Structure formats: C-alpha cells, structure tokens
Amino acid sequence: YVVMEARNLAPLPGDVDFTVGASLPISGLTAWQGLF
C-alpha cells in the first residue's frame, strides 16, 4: 500500500494491464515533458 496526493494519480483504463500502467509514469512523462 502507498499513500500519495490524489493529484499525482490518473485513472487507469480497464483495458490496460497493471504491469503496463506501472511502467509508464517516469518514462512516459520524462519523454513527453522533455520533447514538448
């Protein structure tokens, strides 16, 4: 279990596996923010 601020979370669609979801935040956000 983890406690965190709600604003740091986004809904995970039901058709996306939890393993995939956990792999996205740092890699995805780093790429998005660095590029755009």
PDB file of all heavy atoms in Angstrom:
ATOM      1  N   TYR A   1       0.852  -1.195   0.000  1.00  0.00           N
ATOM      2  CA  TYR A   1       0.000   0.000   0.000  1.00  0.00           C
ATOM      3  C   TYR A   1       0.884   1.238   0.000  1.00  0.00           C
ATOM      4  O   TYR A   1       1.996   1.232   0.527  1.00  0.00           O
ATOM      5  CB  TYR A   1      -0.907   0.031   1.245  1.00  0.00           C
ATOM      6  CG  TYR A   1      -1.947  -1.060   1.264  1.00  0.00           C
ATOM      7  CD1 TYR A   1      -1.669  -2.305   1.823  1.00  0.00           C
ATOM      8  CD2 TYR A   1      -3.220  -0.853   0.714  1.00  0.00           C
ATOM      9  CE1 TYR A   1      -2.616  -3.317   1.833  1.00  0.00           C
ATOM     10  CE2 TYR A   1      -4.171  -1.855   0.723  1.00  0.00           C
ATOM     11  CZ  TYR A   1      -3.866  -3.079   1.275  1.00  0.00           C
ATOM     12  OH  TYR A   1      -4.806  -4.080   1.272  1.00  0.00           O
ATOM     13  N   VAL A   2       0.375   2.320  -0.579  1.00  0.00           N
ATOM     14  CA  VAL A   2       1.087   3.585  -0.570  1.00  0.00           C
ATOM     15  C   VAL A   2       0.073   4.701  -0.375  1.00  0.00           C
ATOM     16  O   VAL A   2      -1.076   4.599  -0.819  1.00  0.00           O
ATOM     17  CB  VAL A   2       1.884   3.794  -1.884  1.00  0.00           C
ATOM     18  CG1 VAL A   2       0.960   3.927  -3.078  1.00  0.00           C
ATOM     19  CG2 VAL A   2       2.807   5.000  -1.793  1.00  0.00           C
ATOM     20  N   VAL A   3       0.497   5.758   0.315  1.00  0.00           N
ATOM     21  CA  VAL A   3      -0.325   6.951   0.452  1.00  0.00           C
ATOM     22  C   VAL A   3       0.307   8.048  -0.395  1.00  0.00           C
ATOM     23  O   VAL A   3       1.523   8.243  -0.370  1.00  0.00           O
ATOM     24  CB  VAL A   3      -0.453   7.394   1.919  1.00  0.00           C
ATOM     25  CG1 VAL A   3       0.900   7.700   2.550  1.00  0.00           C
ATOM     26  CG2 VAL A   3      -1.368   8.611   2.040  1.00  0.00           C
ATOM     27  N   MET A   4      -0.515   8.731  -1.178  1.00  0.00           N
ATOM     28  CA  MET A   4       0.010   9.796  -2.020  1.00  0.00           C
ATOM     29  C   MET A   4      -1.079  10.813  -2.325  1.00  0.00           C
ATOM     30  O   MET A   4      -2.264  10.549  -2.114  1.00  0.00           O
ATOM     31  CB  MET A   4       0.596   9.233  -3.307  1.00  0.00           C
ATOM     32  CG  MET A   4      -0.329   8.347  -4.119  1.00  0.00           C
ATOM     33  SD  MET A   4       0.552   7.454  -5.438  1.00  0.00           S
ATOM     34  CE  MET A   4       1.012   8.784  -6.533  1.00  0.00           C
ATOM     35  N   GLU A   5      -0.649  11.976  -2.795  1.00  0.00           N
ATOM     36  CA  GLU A   5      -1.609  13.016  -3.138  1.00  0.00           C
ATOM     37  C   GLU A   5      -2.433  12.595  -4.352  1.00  0.00           C
ATOM     38  O   GLU A   5      -1.900  12.074  -5.335  1.00  0.00           O
ATOM     39  CB  GLU A   5      -0.889  14.322  -3.442  1.00  0.00           C
ATOM     40  CG  GLU A   5      -0.264  14.997  -2.243  1.00  0.00           C
ATOM     41  CD  GLU A   5       0.388  16.302  -2.636  1.00  0.00           C
ATOM     42  OE1 GLU A   5      -0.336  17.315  -2.667  1.00  0.00           O
ATOM     43  OE2 GLU A   5       1.589  16.311  -2.923  1.00  0.00           O
ATOM     44  N   ALA A   6      -3.720  12.856  -4.286  1.00  0.00           N
ATOM     45  CA  ALA A   6      -4.618  12.453  -5.368  1.00  0.00           C
ATOM     46  C   ALA A   6      -4.218  13.080  -6.697  1.00  0.00           C
ATOM     47  O   ALA A   6      -4.367  12.461  -7.759  1.00  0.00           O
ATOM     48  CB  ALA A   6      -6.050  12.839  -5.014  1.00  0.00           C
ATOM     49  N   ARG A   7      -3.684  14.293  -6.659  1.00  0.00           N
ATOM     50  CA  ARG A   7      -3.347  14.986  -7.902  1.00  0.00           C
ATOM     51  C   ARG A   7      -2.229  14.303  -8.676  1.00  0.00           C
ATOM     52  O   ARG A   7      -2.021  14.585  -9.860  1.00  0.00           O
ATOM     53  CB  ARG A   7      -2.952  16.440  -7.607  1.00  0.00           C
ATOM     54  CG  ARG A   7      -1.672  16.589  -6.796  1.00  0.00           C
ATOM     55  CD  ARG A   7      -1.436  18.035  -6.376  1.00  0.00           C
ATOM     56  NE  ARG A   7      -0.229  18.182  -5.570  1.00  0.00           N
ATOM     57  CZ  ARG A   7       0.962  18.485  -6.078  1.00  0.00           C
ATOM     58  NH1 ARG A   7       1.094  18.674  -7.368  1.00  0.00           N
ATOM     59  NH2 ARG A   7       2.006  18.610  -5.281  1.00  0.00           N
ATOM     60  N   ASN A   8      -1.493  13.397  -8.017  1.00  0.00           N
ATOM     61  CA  ASN A   8      -0.404  12.692  -8.684  1.00  0.00           C
ATOM     62  C   ASN A   8      -0.848  11.398  -9.351  1.00  0.00           C
ATOM     63  O   ASN A   8      -0.012  10.644  -9.852  1.00  0.00           O
ATOM     64  CB  ASN A   8       0.713  12.391  -7.680  1.00  0.00           C
ATOM     65  CG  ASN A   8       1.438  13.639  -7.230  1.00  0.00           C
ATOM     66  OD1 ASN A   8       1.476  14.636  -7.950  1.00  0.00           O
ATOM     67  ND2 ASN A   8       2.010  13.604  -6.041  1.00  0.00           N
ATOM     68  N   LEU A   9      -2.154  11.145  -9.355  1.00  0.00           N
ATOM     69  CA  LEU A   9      -2.695   9.920  -9.929  1.00  0.00           C
ATOM     70  C   LEU A   9      -3.634  10.239 -11.086  1.00  0.00           C
ATOM     71  O   LEU A   9      -4.292  11.279 -11.095  1.00  0.00           O
ATOM     72  CB  LEU A   9      -3.453   9.126  -8.869  1.00  0.00           C
ATOM     73  CG  LEU A   9      -2.615   8.505  -7.763  1.00  0.00           C
ATOM     74  CD1 LEU A   9      -3.499   8.128  -6.586  1.00  0.00           C
ATOM     75  CD2 LEU A   9      -1.862   7.283  -8.284  1.00  0.00           C
ATOM     76  N   ALA A  10      -3.686   9.317 -12.034  1.00  0.00           N
ATOM     77  CA  ALA A  10      -4.625   9.419 -13.159  1.00  0.00           C
ATOM     78  C   ALA A  10      -5.396   8.108 -13.264  1.00  0.00           C
ATOM     79  O   ALA A  10      -4.902   7.055 -12.857  1.00  0.00           O
ATOM     80  CB  ALA A  10      -3.864   9.692 -14.456  1.00  0.00           C
ATOM     81  N   PRO A  11      -6.608   8.139 -13.807  1.00  0.00           N
ATOM     82  CA  PRO A  11      -7.365   6.901 -13.999  1.00  0.00           C
ATOM     83  C   PRO A  11      -6.633   5.952 -14.945  1.00  0.00           C
ATOM     84  O   PRO A  11      -6.084   6.385 -15.969  1.00  0.00           O
ATOM     85  CB  PRO A  11      -8.674   7.384 -14.611  1.00  0.00           C
ATOM     86  CG  PRO A  11      -8.788   8.825 -14.226  1.00  0.00           C
ATOM     87  CD  PRO A  11      -7.385   9.345 -14.197  1.00  0.00           C
ATOM     88  N   LEU A  12      -6.609   4.681 -14.602  1.00  0.00           N
ATOM     89  CA  LEU A  12      -6.035   3.654 -15.465  1.00  0.00           C
ATOM     90  C   LEU A  12      -7.173   2.896 -16.130  1.00  0.00           C
ATOM     91  O   LEU A  12      -7.950   2.215 -15.451  1.00  0.00           O
ATOM     92  CB  LEU A  12      -5.166   2.684 -14.659  1.00  0.00           C
ATOM     93  CG  LEU A  12      -4.483   1.577 -15.471  1.00  0.00           C
ATOM     94  CD1 LEU A  12      -3.414   2.166 -16.396  1.00  0.00           C
ATOM     95  CD2 LEU A  12      -3.868   0.524 -14.549  1.00  0.00           C
ATOM     96  N   PRO A  13      -7.312   3.006 -17.441  1.00  0.00           N
ATOM     97  CA  PRO A  13      -8.421   2.326 -18.126  1.00  0.00           C
ATOM     98  C   PRO A  13      -8.407   0.819 -17.864  1.00  0.00           C
ATOM     99  O   PRO A  13      -7.344   0.208 -17.693  1.00  0.00           O
ATOM    100  CB  PRO A  13      -8.156   2.646 -19.604  1.00  0.00           C
ATOM    101  CG  PRO A  13      -7.354   3.909 -19.577  1.00  0.00           C
ATOM    102  CD  PRO A  13      -6.490   3.813 -18.365  1.00  0.00           C
ATOM    103  N   GLY A  14      -9.579   0.233 -17.870  1.00  0.00           N
ATOM    104  CA  GLY A  14      -9.708  -1.176 -17.554  1.00  0.00           C
ATOM    105  C   GLY A  14      -9.041  -2.104 -18.538  1.00  0.00           C
ATOM    106  O   GLY A  14      -8.748  -3.261 -18.213  1.00  0.00           O
ATOM    107  N   ASP A  15      -8.770  -1.627 -19.767  1.00  0.00           N
ATOM    108  CA  ASP A  15      -8.127  -2.479 -20.760  1.00  0.00           C
ATOM    109  C   ASP A  15      -6.607  -2.335 -20.792  1.00  0.00           C
ATOM    110  O   ASP A  15      -5.944  -2.861 -21.693  1.00  0.00           O
ATOM    111  CB  ASP A  15      -8.712  -2.215 -22.156  1.00  0.00           C
ATOM    112  CG  ASP A  15      -8.606  -0.753 -22.585  1.00  0.00           C
ATOM    113  OD1 ASP A  15      -8.138   0.076 -21.773  1.00  0.00           O
ATOM    114  OD2 ASP A  15      -8.998  -0.439 -23.723  1.00  0.00           O
ATOM    115  N   VAL A  16      -6.043  -1.631 -19.811  1.00  0.00           N
ATOM    116  CA  VAL A  16      -4.587  -1.511 -19.692  1.00  0.00           C
ATOM    117  C   VAL A  16      -4.140  -2.296 -18.463  1.00  0.00           C
ATOM    118  O   VAL A  16      -4.592  -2.032 -17.352  1.00  0.00           O
ATOM    119  CB  VAL A  16      -4.135  -0.039 -19.577  1.00  0.00           C
ATOM    120  CG1 VAL A  16      -2.627   0.049 -19.400  1.00  0.00           C
ATOM    121  CG2 VAL A  16      -4.574   0.745 -20.809  1.00  0.00           C
ATOM    122  N   ASP A  17      -3.244  -3.243 -18.671  1.00  0.00           N
ATOM    123  CA  ASP A  17      -2.776  -4.097 -17.587  1.00  0.00           C
ATOM    124  C   ASP A  17      -2.029  -3.284 -16.526  1.00  0.00           C
ATOM    125  O   ASP A  17      -1.364  -2.293 -16.837  1.00  0.00           O
ATOM    126  CB  ASP A  17      -1.853  -5.175 -18.164  1.00  0.00           C
ATOM    127  CG  ASP A  17      -1.396  -6.172 -17.121  1.00  0.00           C
ATOM    128  OD1 ASP A  17      -2.171  -7.071 -16.773  1.00  0.00           O
ATOM    129  OD2 ASP A  17      -0.253  -6.019 -16.620  1.00  0.00           O
ATOM    130  N   PHE A  18      -2.142  -3.721 -15.275  1.00  0.00           N
ATOM    131  CA  PHE A  18      -1.453  -3.015 -14.193  1.00  0.00           C
ATOM    132  C   PHE A  18       0.063  -2.964 -14.422  1.00  0.00           C
ATOM    133  O   PHE A  18       0.712  -1.966 -14.091  1.00  0.00           O
ATOM    134  CB  PHE A  18      -1.744  -3.693 -12.847  1.00  0.00           C
ATOM    135  CG  PHE A  18      -3.122  -3.412 -12.305  1.00  0.00           C
ATOM    136  CD1 PHE A  18      -4.053  -4.429 -12.180  1.00  0.00           C
ATOM    137  CD2 PHE A  18      -3.482  -2.133 -11.913  1.00  0.00           C
ATOM    138  CE1 PHE A  18      -5.321  -4.182 -11.666  1.00  0.00           C
ATOM    139  CE2 PHE A  18      -4.750  -1.860 -11.398  1.00  0.00           C
ATOM    140  CZ  PHE A  18      -5.672  -2.890 -11.282  1.00  0.00           C
ATOM    141  N   THR A  19       0.637  -4.025 -14.964  1.00  0.00           N
ATOM    142  CA  THR A  19       2.077  -4.042 -15.215  1.00  0.00           C
ATOM    143  C   THR A  19       2.464  -2.953 -16.209  1.00  0.00           C
ATOM    144  O   THR A  19       3.453  -2.241 -16.021  1.00  0.00           O
ATOM    145  CB  THR A  19       2.509  -5.425 -15.747  1.00  0.00           C
ATOM    146  OG1 THR A  19       2.158  -6.425 -14.790  1.00  0.00           O
ATOM    147  CG2 THR A  19       4.007  -5.475 -15.991  1.00  0.00           C
ATOM    148  N   VAL A  20       1.681  -2.814 -17.261  1.00  0.00           N
ATOM    149  CA  VAL A  20       1.925  -1.762 -18.246  1.00  0.00           C
ATOM    150  C   VAL A  20       1.747  -0.385 -17.605  1.00  0.00           C
ATOM    151  O   VAL A  20       2.563   0.520 -17.795  1.00  0.00           O
ATOM    152  CB  VAL A  20       0.989  -1.933 -19.454  1.00  0.00           C
ATOM    153  CG1 VAL A  20       1.083  -0.731 -20.395  1.00  0.00           C
ATOM    154  CG2 VAL A  20       1.319  -3.212 -20.201  1.00  0.00           C
ATOM    155  N   GLY A  21       0.693  -0.229 -16.813  1.00  0.00           N
ATOM    156  CA  GLY A  21       0.439   1.052 -16.165  1.00  0.00           C
ATOM    157  C   GLY A  21       1.588   1.512 -15.297  1.00  0.00           C
ATOM    158  O   GLY A  21       1.953   2.695 -15.288  1.00  0.00           O
ATOM    159  N   ALA A  22       2.200   0.587 -14.568  1.00  0.00           N
ATOM    160  CA  ALA A  22       3.302   0.948 -13.671  1.00  0.00           C
ATOM    161  C   ALA A  22       4.576   1.304 -14.426  1.00  0.00           C
ATOM    162  O   ALA A  22       5.468   1.952 -13.870  1.00  0.00           O
ATOM    163  CB  ALA A  22       3.581  -0.198 -12.703  1.00  0.00           C
ATOM    164  N   SER A  23       4.662   0.908 -15.687  1.00  0.00           N
ATOM    165  CA  SER A  23       5.874   1.191 -16.469  1.00  0.00           C
ATOM    166  C   SER A  23       5.838   2.565 -17.141  1.00  0.00           C
ATOM    167  O   SER A  23       6.838   3.002 -17.710  1.00  0.00           O
ATOM    168  CB  SER A  23       6.063   0.113 -17.539  1.00  0.00           C
ATOM    169  OG  SER A  23       5.125   0.275 -18.590  1.00  0.00           O
ATOM    170  N   LEU A  24       4.710   3.247 -17.078  1.00  0.00           N
ATOM    171  CA  LEU A  24       4.520   4.459 -17.872  1.00  0.00           C
ATOM    172  C   LEU A  24       4.914   5.784 -17.203  1.00  0.00           C
ATOM    173  O   LEU A  24       5.387   6.694 -17.898  1.00  0.00           O
ATOM    174  CB  LEU A  24       3.056   4.566 -18.317  1.00  0.00           C
ATOM    175  CG  LEU A  24       2.568   3.509 -19.305  1.00  0.00           C
ATOM    176  CD1 LEU A  24       1.062   3.663 -19.519  1.00  0.00           C
ATOM    177  CD2 LEU A  24       3.305   3.624 -20.625  1.00  0.00           C
ATOM    178  N   PRO A  25       4.703   5.967 -15.886  1.00  0.00           N
ATOM    179  CA  PRO A  25       4.826   7.339 -15.366  1.00  0.00           C
ATOM    180  C   PRO A  25       6.174   8.012 -15.583  1.00  0.00           C
ATOM    181  O   PRO A  25       6.217   9.117 -16.149  1.00  0.00           O
ATOM    182  CB  PRO A  25       4.501   7.155 -13.880  1.00  0.00           C
ATOM    183  CG  PRO A  25       3.564   5.996 -13.851  1.00  0.00           C
ATOM    184  CD  PRO A  25       4.088   5.066 -14.898  1.00  0.00           C
ATOM    185  N   ILE A  26       7.282   7.426 -15.141  1.00  0.00           N
ATOM    186  CA  ILE A  26       8.557   8.124 -15.278  1.00  0.00           C
ATOM    187  C   ILE A  26       9.004   8.164 -16.735  1.00  0.00           C
ATOM    188  O   ILE A  26       9.362   9.229 -17.257  1.00  0.00           O
ATOM    189  CB  ILE A  26       9.636   7.489 -14.382  1.00  0.00           C
ATOM    190  CG1 ILE A  26       9.371   7.852 -12.912  1.00  0.00           C
ATOM    191  CG2 ILE A  26      11.032   7.966 -14.792  1.00  0.00           C
ATOM    192  CD1 ILE A  26      10.388   7.296 -11.930  1.00  0.00           C
ATOM    193  N   SER A  27       8.975   7.031 -17.414  1.00  0.00           N
ATOM    194  CA  SER A  27       9.427   7.003 -18.807  1.00  0.00           C
ATOM    195  C   SER A  27       8.547   7.881 -19.682  1.00  0.00           C
ATOM    196  O   SER A  27       9.043   8.681 -20.494  1.00  0.00           O
ATOM    197  CB  SER A  27       9.406   5.563 -19.331  1.00  0.00           C
ATOM    198  OG  SER A  27      10.294   4.744 -18.602  1.00  0.00           O
ATOM    199  N   GLY A  28       7.235   7.747 -19.533  1.00  0.00           N
ATOM    200  CA  GLY A  28       6.316   8.494 -20.377  1.00  0.00           C
ATOM    201  C   GLY A  28       6.348   9.987 -20.126  1.00  0.00           C
ATOM    202  O   GLY A  28       6.425  10.792 -21.063  1.00  0.00           O
ATOM    203  N   LEU A  29       6.272  10.363 -18.844  1.00  0.00           N
ATOM    204  CA  LEU A  29       6.264  11.790 -18.517  1.00  0.00           C
ATOM    205  C   LEU A  29       7.602  12.453 -18.837  1.00  0.00           C
ATOM    206  O   LEU A  29       7.654  13.601 -19.283  1.00  0.00           O
ATOM    207  CB  LEU A  29       5.918  11.994 -17.043  1.00  0.00           C
ATOM    208  CG  LEU A  29       4.469  11.692 -16.646  1.00  0.00           C
ATOM    209  CD1 LEU A  29       4.310  11.747 -15.135  1.00  0.00           C
ATOM    210  CD2 LEU A  29       3.492  12.658 -17.320  1.00  0.00           C
ATOM    211  N   THR A  30       8.714  11.752 -18.598  1.00  0.00           N
ATOM    212  CA  THR A  30      10.029  12.304 -18.930  1.00  0.00           C
ATOM    213  C   THR A  30      10.121  12.581 -20.427  1.00  0.00           C
ATOM    214  O   THR A  30      10.568  13.647 -20.856  1.00  0.00           O
ATOM    215  CB  THR A  30      11.145  11.345 -18.510  1.00  0.00           C
ATOM    216  OG1 THR A  30      11.107  11.155 -17.086  1.00  0.00           O
ATOM    217  CG2 THR A  30      12.511  11.886 -18.886  1.00  0.00           C
ATOM    218  N   ALA A  31       9.695  11.606 -21.223  1.00  0.00           N
ATOM    219  CA  ALA A  31       9.740  11.780 -22.675  1.00  0.00           C
ATOM    220  C   ALA A  31       8.829  12.920 -23.118  1.00  0.00           C
ATOM    221  O   ALA A  31       9.223  13.776 -23.924  1.00  0.00           O
ATOM    222  CB  ALA A  31       9.342  10.470 -23.358  1.00  0.00           C
ATOM    223  N   TRP A  32       7.613  12.933 -22.607  1.00  0.00           N
ATOM    224  CA  TRP A  32       6.635  13.959 -23.006  1.00  0.00           C
ATOM    225  C   TRP A  32       7.129  15.359 -22.648  1.00  0.00           C
ATOM    226  O   TRP A  32       7.112  16.277 -23.488  1.00  0.00           O
ATOM    227  CB  TRP A  32       5.301  13.670 -22.323  1.00  0.00           C
ATOM    228  CG  TRP A  32       4.173  14.524 -22.808  1.00  0.00           C
ATOM    229  CD1 TRP A  32       3.910  15.829 -22.465  1.00  0.00           C
ATOM    230  CD2 TRP A  32       3.159  14.152 -23.757  1.00  0.00           C
ATOM    231  NE1 TRP A  32       2.807  16.288 -23.122  1.00  0.00           N
ATOM    232  CE2 TRP A  32       2.314  15.280 -23.924  1.00  0.00           C
ATOM    233  CE3 TRP A  32       2.875  12.989 -24.453  1.00  0.00           C
ATOM    234  CZ2 TRP A  32       1.214  15.261 -24.768  1.00  0.00           C
ATOM    235  CZ3 TRP A  32       1.772  12.968 -25.299  1.00  0.00           C
ATOM    236  CH2 TRP A  32       0.962  14.093 -25.448  1.00  0.00           C
ATOM    237  N   GLN A  33       7.555  15.536 -21.403  1.00  0.00           N
ATOM    238  CA  GLN A  33       7.970  16.864 -20.955  1.00  0.00           C
ATOM    239  C   GLN A  33       9.255  17.317 -21.640  1.00  0.00           C
ATOM    240  O   GLN A  33       9.406  18.493 -21.999  1.00  0.00           O
ATOM    241  CB  GLN A  33       8.112  16.861 -19.429  1.00  0.00           C
ATOM    242  CG  GLN A  33       6.770  16.713 -18.732  1.00  0.00           C
ATOM    243  CD  GLN A  33       6.858  16.387 -17.254  1.00  0.00           C
ATOM    244  OE1 GLN A  33       7.908  16.564 -16.627  1.00  0.00           O
ATOM    245  NE2 GLN A  33       5.760  15.909 -16.684  1.00  0.00           N
ATOM    246  N   GLY A  34      10.194  16.384 -21.836  1.00  0.00           N
ATOM    247  CA  GLY A  34      11.439  16.751 -22.498  1.00  0.00           C
ATOM    248  C   GLY A  34      11.242  17.146 -23.952  1.00  0.00           C
ATOM    249  O   GLY A  34      11.846  18.110 -24.435  1.00  0.00           O
ATOM    250  N   LEU A  35      10.380  16.417 -24.650  1.00  0.00           N
ATOM    251  CA  LEU A  35      10.146  16.710 -26.063  1.00  0.00           C
ATOM    252  C   LEU A  35       9.292  17.950 -26.280  1.00  0.00           C
ATOM    253  O   LEU A  35       9.634  18.826 -27.090  1.00  0.00           O
ATOM    254  CB  LEU A  35       9.465  15.512 -26.734  1.00  0.00           C
ATOM    255  CG  LEU A  35      10.306  14.264 -26.976  1.00  0.00           C
ATOM    256  CD1 LEU A  35       9.422  13.117 -27.451  1.00  0.00           C
ATOM    257  CD2 LEU A  35      11.423  14.537 -27.988  1.00  0.00           C
ATOM    258  N   PHE A  36       8.173  18.017 -25.566  1.00  0.00           N
ATOM    259  CA  PHE A  36       7.157  19.010 -25.913  1.00  0.00           C
ATOM    260  C   PHE A  36       7.179  20.268 -25.035  1.00  0.00           C
ATOM    261  O   PHE A  36       6.942  21.367 -25.536  1.00  0.00           O
ATOM    262  CB  PHE A  36       5.775  18.360 -25.886  1.00  0.00           C
ATOM    263  CG  PHE A  36       5.695  17.136 -26.763  1.00  0.00           C
ATOM    264  CD1 PHE A  36       5.287  15.922 -26.257  1.00  0.00           C
ATOM    265  CD2 PHE A  36       6.068  17.210 -28.100  1.00  0.00           C
ATOM    266  CE1 PHE A  36       5.222  14.795 -27.063  1.00  0.00           C
ATOM    267  CE2 PHE A  36       6.015  16.093 -28.922  1.00  0.00           C
ATOM    268  CZ  PHE A  36       5.592  14.873 -28.402  1.00  0.00           C
TER     269      PHE A  36
END
